[in-house]
């Protein structure tokens, strides 16, 4: 049966020639088998393509989810960085207020920029990161600028403080004999002479240490009539301090002395009824009352300083 023959005749419309083909059964089965193979192969190929497409879609979905998580993480980090930048900006503003300087115009505008949290898109996050990067660079430059200015201001303030401290150190402000009582006033008196007493007498035993009431330069250290042995210190600001009736002088003319430095010893040389220290302050050549200067610089003198 496999060799059964079948004939296929093709008759044209005009009927001039009849075409006849011989087809064996086995050829038909072979053709059907080949056709079936093609159909089955097509289904298999389509199935493989559908499976591959499904796997690709799943992979893309997984990748998209991973990217979304990454973008969310970047967004969260930019939130934290934004807060840090705002904190740095606040510190910069405090530094500016402390040192009394204004803010650059561009940076004022920068502070008005809002880093609004974007959606989970690459373009949105990229824009936010770019804005944050620009702001970070600007704030870093601002911080460096403020730090430099702050150091200059602090140095200037330090120099002003040193200059003021130097001015104060040259103003009489301590008791030349530590803790001693004043026994003679800056006033008119009748004993031992009837006269105006141009200084104060400070109680001191013979040989008691006498200190410089302020920093200055020794301009005299010799015997001066009724004052006896006297030290005169020029403080370079209109003030001179005199220390009289000394028993011993421990400084030389031209020597610079510091406030509180030992300069002599108390005694009773010159016109004195007993051992004590005559302490006198001269300002622009005129005697002034030393009493307000025995325990610090008087408030009115401090107020007059630059």
Protein backbone atom coordinates (compact mmCIF):
# COMPACT_ATOMS: atom_id res chain seq x y z
CA UNK A 1 0.00 0.00 0.00
CA UNK A 2 2.88 2.26 0.61
CA UNK A 3 3.64 2.11 -3.07
CA UNK A 4 0.10 2.96 -4.08
CA UNK A 5 0.08 5.53 -6.75
CA UNK A 6 -2.14 8.54 -7.13
CA UNK A 7 -2.38 10.77 -10.13
CA UNK A 8 -3.08 14.41 -10.11
CA UNK A 9 -4.30 15.91 -13.34
CA UNK A 10 -4.28 19.60 -14.09
CA UNK A 11 -6.54 20.59 -16.95
CA UNK A 12 -6.09 24.09 -18.31
CA UNK A 13 -9.21 26.09 -19.13
CA UNK A 14 -8.67 25.78 -22.84
CA UNK A 15 -8.04 22.09 -22.47
CA UNK A 16 -5.20 22.01 -24.90
CA UNK A 17 -2.84 20.05 -22.70
CA UNK A 18 -3.53 18.02 -19.60
CA UNK A 19 -0.76 17.90 -16.99
CA UNK A 20 -0.58 14.73 -14.98
CA UNK A 21 1.50 14.14 -11.88
CA UNK A 22 2.10 10.88 -10.20
CA UNK A 23 2.14 10.90 -6.41
CA UNK A 24 2.93 7.87 -4.32
CA UNK A 25 1.44 7.34 -0.90
CA UNK A 26 4.81 7.46 0.76
CA UNK A 27 5.44 10.85 -0.77
CA UNK A 28 2.18 12.09 0.72
CA UNK A 29 3.08 10.79 4.12
CA UNK A 30 6.51 12.34 3.87
CA UNK A 31 4.97 15.68 2.89
CA UNK A 32 2.49 15.48 5.76
CA UNK A 33 5.27 14.58 8.17
CA UNK A 34 7.39 17.47 6.99
CA UNK A 35 4.43 19.83 7.29
CA UNK A 36 3.72 18.58 10.79
CA UNK A 37 7.37 19.02 11.69
CA UNK A 38 7.24 22.59 10.44
CA UNK A 39 4.10 23.33 12.43
CA UNK A 40 5.52 21.73 15.57
CA UNK A 41 8.80 23.59 15.10
CA UNK A 42 6.94 26.85 14.68
CA UNK A 43 5.00 26.26 17.91
CA UNK A 44 8.21 25.34 19.72
CA UNK A 45 10.00 28.41 18.40
CA UNK A 46 7.09 30.66 19.34
CA UNK A 47 6.99 29.09 22.81
CA UNK A 48 10.72 29.68 23.31
CA UNK A 49 10.36 33.29 22.19
CA UNK A 50 7.42 33.83 24.54
CA UNK A 51 9.40 32.29 27.41
CA UNK A 52 12.42 34.44 26.64
CA UNK A 53 10.23 37.54 26.49
CA UNK A 54 8.64 36.62 29.81
CA UNK A 55 12.06 36.13 31.39
CA UNK A 56 13.27 39.44 29.98
CA UNK A 57 10.19 41.23 31.32
CA UNK A 58 10.78 39.65 34.73
CA UNK A 59 14.45 40.67 34.64
CA UNK A 60 13.55 44.23 33.63
CA UNK A 61 10.98 44.40 36.42
CA UNK A 62 13.57 43.18 38.92
CA UNK A 63 16.10 45.69 37.57
CA UNK A 64 13.54 48.48 37.73
CA UNK A 65 12.73 47.57 41.35
CA UNK A 66 16.43 47.52 42.21
CA UNK A 67 16.90 50.89 40.54
CA UNK A 68 13.92 52.28 42.43
CA UNK A 69 15.44 51.08 45.71
CA UNK A 70 18.77 52.62 44.73
CA UNK A 71 17.13 55.93 43.84
CA UNK A 72 15.18 55.87 47.10
CA UNK A 73 18.46 55.30 48.95
CA UNK A 74 20.09 58.20 47.08
CA UNK A 75 17.07 60.37 47.89
CA UNK A 76 17.37 59.48 51.56
CA UNK A 77 21.08 60.29 51.55
CA UNK A 78 20.48 63.60 49.83
CA UNK A 79 17.93 64.36 52.56
CA UNK A 80 20.63 63.76 55.17
CA UNK A 81 23.18 65.81 53.22
CA UNK A 82 20.69 68.64 52.83
CA UNK A 83 20.18 68.71 56.59
CA UNK A 84 23.95 68.74 57.11
CA UNK A 85 24.35 71.61 54.64
CA UNK A 86 21.60 73.55 56.38
CA UNK A 87 23.41 72.99 59.68
CA UNK A 88 26.67 74.24 58.15
CA UNK A 89 24.85 77.26 56.73
CA UNK A 90 23.44 78.01 60.16
CA UNK A 91 26.93 77.80 61.66
CA UNK A 92 28.23 80.12 58.93
CA UNK A 93 25.49 82.62 59.75
CA UNK A 94 26.42 82.46 63.44
CA UNK A 95 30.08 83.04 62.57
CA UNK A 96 29.10 86.03 60.43
CA UNK A 97 26.99 87.49 63.22
CA UNK A 98 29.81 86.91 65.70
CA UNK A 99 32.44 88.67 63.61
CA UNK A 100 30.05 91.28 62.20
CA UNK A 101 30.30 90.66 58.47
CA UNK A 102 27.61 90.49 55.82
CA UNK A 103 26.75 87.62 53.53
CA UNK A 104 27.67 87.39 49.84
CA UNK A 105 24.65 88.08 47.67
CA UNK A 106 24.98 84.86 45.71
CA UNK A 107 24.94 82.78 48.84
CA UNK A 108 21.80 84.52 50.08
CA UNK A 109 20.08 83.45 46.87
CA UNK A 110 21.49 79.95 47.27
CA UNK A 111 19.85 79.62 50.66
CA UNK A 112 16.48 80.16 48.99
CA UNK A 113 17.03 77.09 46.78
CA UNK A 114 14.83 74.24 47.92
CA UNK A 115 15.97 70.67 47.45
CA UNK A 116 12.48 69.22 46.96
CA UNK A 117 12.42 65.45 47.19
CA UNK A 118 11.93 64.13 43.69
CA UNK A 119 10.06 61.06 42.51
CA UNK A 120 11.90 57.77 41.94
CA UNK A 121 13.18 58.77 38.50
CA UNK A 122 16.78 58.93 37.40
CA UNK A 123 16.37 62.41 35.94
CA UNK A 124 14.75 63.76 39.10
CA UNK A 125 17.38 62.31 41.41
CA UNK A 126 20.19 63.44 39.10
CA UNK A 127 18.85 66.99 39.15
CA UNK A 128 18.58 66.92 42.93
CA UNK A 129 22.10 65.54 43.37
CA UNK A 130 23.45 68.14 40.93
CA UNK A 131 21.78 70.97 42.86
CA UNK A 132 23.04 69.54 46.13
CA UNK A 133 26.57 69.27 44.74
CA UNK A 134 26.51 72.89 43.59
CA UNK A 135 25.21 73.99 46.97
CA UNK A 136 27.87 71.93 48.76
CA UNK A 137 30.65 73.51 46.72
CA UNK A 138 29.29 77.00 47.33
CA UNK A 139 28.92 76.41 51.06
CA UNK A 140 32.42 74.91 51.26
CA UNK A 141 33.82 78.06 49.63
CA UNK A 142 31.73 80.17 51.99
CA UNK A 143 33.05 78.23 54.99
CA UNK A 144 36.65 78.70 53.86
CA UNK A 145 36.00 82.41 53.32
CA UNK A 146 34.35 82.78 56.72
CA UNK A 147 37.12 80.82 58.42
CA UNK A 148 39.75 83.11 56.93
CA UNK A 149 37.81 86.20 57.94
CA UNK A 150 37.18 84.81 61.41
CA UNK A 151 40.90 84.17 61.91
CA UNK A 152 41.67 87.71 60.78
CA UNK A 153 39.03 89.16 63.08
CA UNK A 154 40.21 87.02 65.99
CA UNK A 155 43.80 88.06 65.35
CA UNK A 156 42.76 91.70 65.21
CA UNK A 157 40.69 91.27 68.36
CA UNK A 158 43.63 89.56 70.03
CA UNK A 159 45.90 92.43 69.03
CA UNK A 160 43.34 94.94 70.34
CA UNK A 161 43.09 92.97 73.59
CA UNK A 162 46.87 92.92 73.89
CA UNK A 163 47.06 96.64 73.20
CA UNK A 164 44.33 97.33 75.76
CA UNK A 165 46.03 95.05 78.28
CA UNK A 166 49.27 96.92 77.67
CA UNK A 167 47.49 100.23 78.24
CA UNK A 168 45.95 98.95 81.47
CA UNK A 169 49.25 97.49 82.66
CA UNK A 170 50.77 100.98 82.39
CA UNK A 171 48.09 102.56 84.62
CA UNK A 172 48.76 102.45 88.41
CA UNK A 173 46.32 99.95 89.86
CA UNK A 174 47.87 98.06 92.80
CA UNK A 175 48.95 98.88 96.34
CA UNK A 176 52.75 99.24 96.33
CA UNK A 177 52.83 97.62 99.78
CA UNK A 178 50.53 94.62 99.63
CA UNK A 179 47.72 94.72 102.18
CA UNK A 180 49.04 97.70 104.13
CA UNK A 181 46.87 100.44 105.56
CA UNK A 182 46.88 104.07 104.44
CA UNK A 183 47.99 106.21 107.39
CA UNK A 184 48.34 109.57 105.64
CA UNK A 185 45.77 111.03 103.23
CA UNK A 186 45.98 113.08 100.05
CA UNK A 187 44.84 116.25 101.80
CA UNK A 188 45.79 119.32 103.83
CA UNK A 189 47.36 118.45 107.16
CA UNK A 190 48.97 120.18 110.14
CA UNK A 191 51.36 117.44 111.20
CA UNK A 192 54.24 117.04 110.78
CA UNK A 193 54.02 120.16 108.58
CA UNK A 194 51.20 122.50 107.71
CA UNK A 195 50.86 121.80 104.00
CA UNK A 196 48.95 119.95 101.33
CA UNK A 197 50.12 116.33 101.36
CA UNK A 198 50.51 115.41 97.66
CA UNK A 199 50.44 111.66 98.13
CA UNK A 200 49.39 108.99 100.60
CA UNK A 201 51.46 107.46 103.37
CA UNK A 202 51.23 103.67 103.48
CA UNK A 203 52.09 101.74 106.60
CA UNK A 204 55.30 99.73 106.16
CA UNK A 205 58.02 98.42 108.46
CA UNK A 206 61.63 99.12 107.73
CA UNK A 207 62.78 96.94 104.81
CA UNK A 208 59.25 96.02 103.62
CA UNK A 209 59.17 95.23 99.92
CA UNK A 210 57.83 97.99 97.67
CA UNK A 211 56.26 97.02 94.31
CA UNK A 212 55.78 98.94 91.07
CA UNK A 213 52.14 99.98 90.81
CA UNK A 214 52.26 99.74 86.99
CA UNK A 215 54.61 98.88 84.15
CA UNK A 216 57.00 101.57 83.09
CA UNK A 217 60.58 102.85 82.93
CA UNK A 218 62.61 104.02 85.90
CA UNK A 219 63.62 107.66 85.36
CA UNK A 220 65.01 108.44 88.84
CA UNK A 221 66.34 106.44 91.77
CA UNK A 222 68.22 108.93 93.90
CA UNK A 223 67.99 111.05 97.04
CA UNK A 224 65.47 113.90 96.63
CA UNK A 225 65.45 116.30 99.60
CA UNK A 226 62.58 115.71 102.00
CA UNK A 227 61.47 112.68 99.99
CA UNK A 228 64.69 110.92 100.88
CA UNK A 229 65.53 107.98 98.62
CA UNK A 230 62.95 108.12 95.85
CA UNK A 231 62.12 106.06 92.76
CA UNK A 232 60.26 107.76 89.91
CA UNK A 233 58.68 105.50 87.26
CA UNK A 234 57.42 106.94 83.97
CA UNK A 235 54.51 104.84 82.64
CA UNK A 236 54.51 106.41 79.18
CA UNK A 237 50.91 107.61 79.29
CA UNK A 238 51.11 110.78 81.34
CA UNK A 239 51.33 108.89 84.65
CA UNK A 240 54.39 108.90 86.93
CA UNK A 241 54.50 107.12 90.27
CA UNK A 242 56.82 108.18 93.08
CA UNK A 243 57.98 105.93 95.92
CA UNK A 244 59.72 107.88 98.70
CA UNK A 245 61.48 107.51 102.11
CA UNK A 246 63.05 104.29 100.85
CA UNK A 247 65.79 102.44 102.68
CA UNK A 248 67.00 100.65 99.58
CA UNK A 249 66.55 100.94 95.79
CA UNK A 250 66.67 97.75 93.70
CA UNK A 251 66.23 99.20 90.19
CA UNK A 252 68.39 101.35 87.95
CA UNK A 253 67.58 104.34 85.74
CA UNK A 254 66.39 103.25 82.29
CA UNK A 255 65.26 99.86 83.53
CA UNK A 256 61.84 98.64 82.41
CA UNK A 257 59.74 97.23 85.24
CA UNK A 258 56.52 95.27 85.22
CA UNK A 259 53.43 95.82 87.32
CA UNK A 260 53.99 94.17 90.70
CA UNK A 261 57.78 93.88 90.29
CA UNK A 262 59.86 94.50 93.42
CA UNK A 263 61.67 97.82 93.08
CA UNK A 264 62.77 98.91 96.58
CA UNK A 265 62.43 98.56 100.33
CA UNK A 266 60.53 100.90 102.67
CA UNK A 267 62.42 103.08 105.11
CA UNK A 268 62.50 106.52 106.77
CA UNK A 269 64.96 108.56 104.71
CA UNK A 270 64.32 112.26 104.14
CA UNK A 271 61.74 114.08 106.26
CA UNK A 272 59.90 111.18 107.91
CA UNK A 273 58.71 110.55 111.47
CA UNK A 274 59.15 106.80 111.09
CA UNK A 275 59.34 103.97 108.54
CA UNK A 276 56.57 104.10 105.94
CA UNK A 277 56.11 104.54 102.18
CA UNK A 278 55.15 107.85 100.66
CA UNK A 279 53.31 106.96 97.44
CA UNK A 280 52.49 109.73 94.97
CA UNK A 281 50.89 109.71 91.51
CA UNK A 282 51.61 112.47 89.02
CA UNK A 283 49.45 112.91 85.91
CA UNK A 284 50.67 115.34 83.26
CA UNK A 285 52.92 116.90 85.90
CA UNK A 286 50.22 117.39 88.54
CA UNK A 287 49.66 115.28 91.67
CA UNK A 288 46.39 113.32 91.85
CA UNK A 289 44.84 111.29 94.64
CA UNK A 290 46.38 107.77 94.61
CA UNK A 291 43.59 106.30 96.75
CA UNK A 292 41.26 105.28 93.83
CA UNK A 293 44.25 103.56 92.14
CA UNK A 294 45.18 101.29 95.05
CA UNK A 295 42.72 98.52 94.16
CA UNK A 296 42.39 98.56 90.39
CA UNK A 297 42.05 101.04 87.57
CA UNK A 298 39.23 103.50 88.36
CA UNK A 299 36.09 103.07 86.25
CA UNK A 300 36.30 106.57 84.78
CA UNK A 301 39.87 105.89 83.61
CA UNK A 302 38.84 102.55 82.04
CA UNK A 303 35.96 104.28 80.28
CA UNK A 304 38.37 106.73 78.69
CA UNK A 305 40.50 103.98 77.13
CA UNK A 306 40.06 103.19 73.41
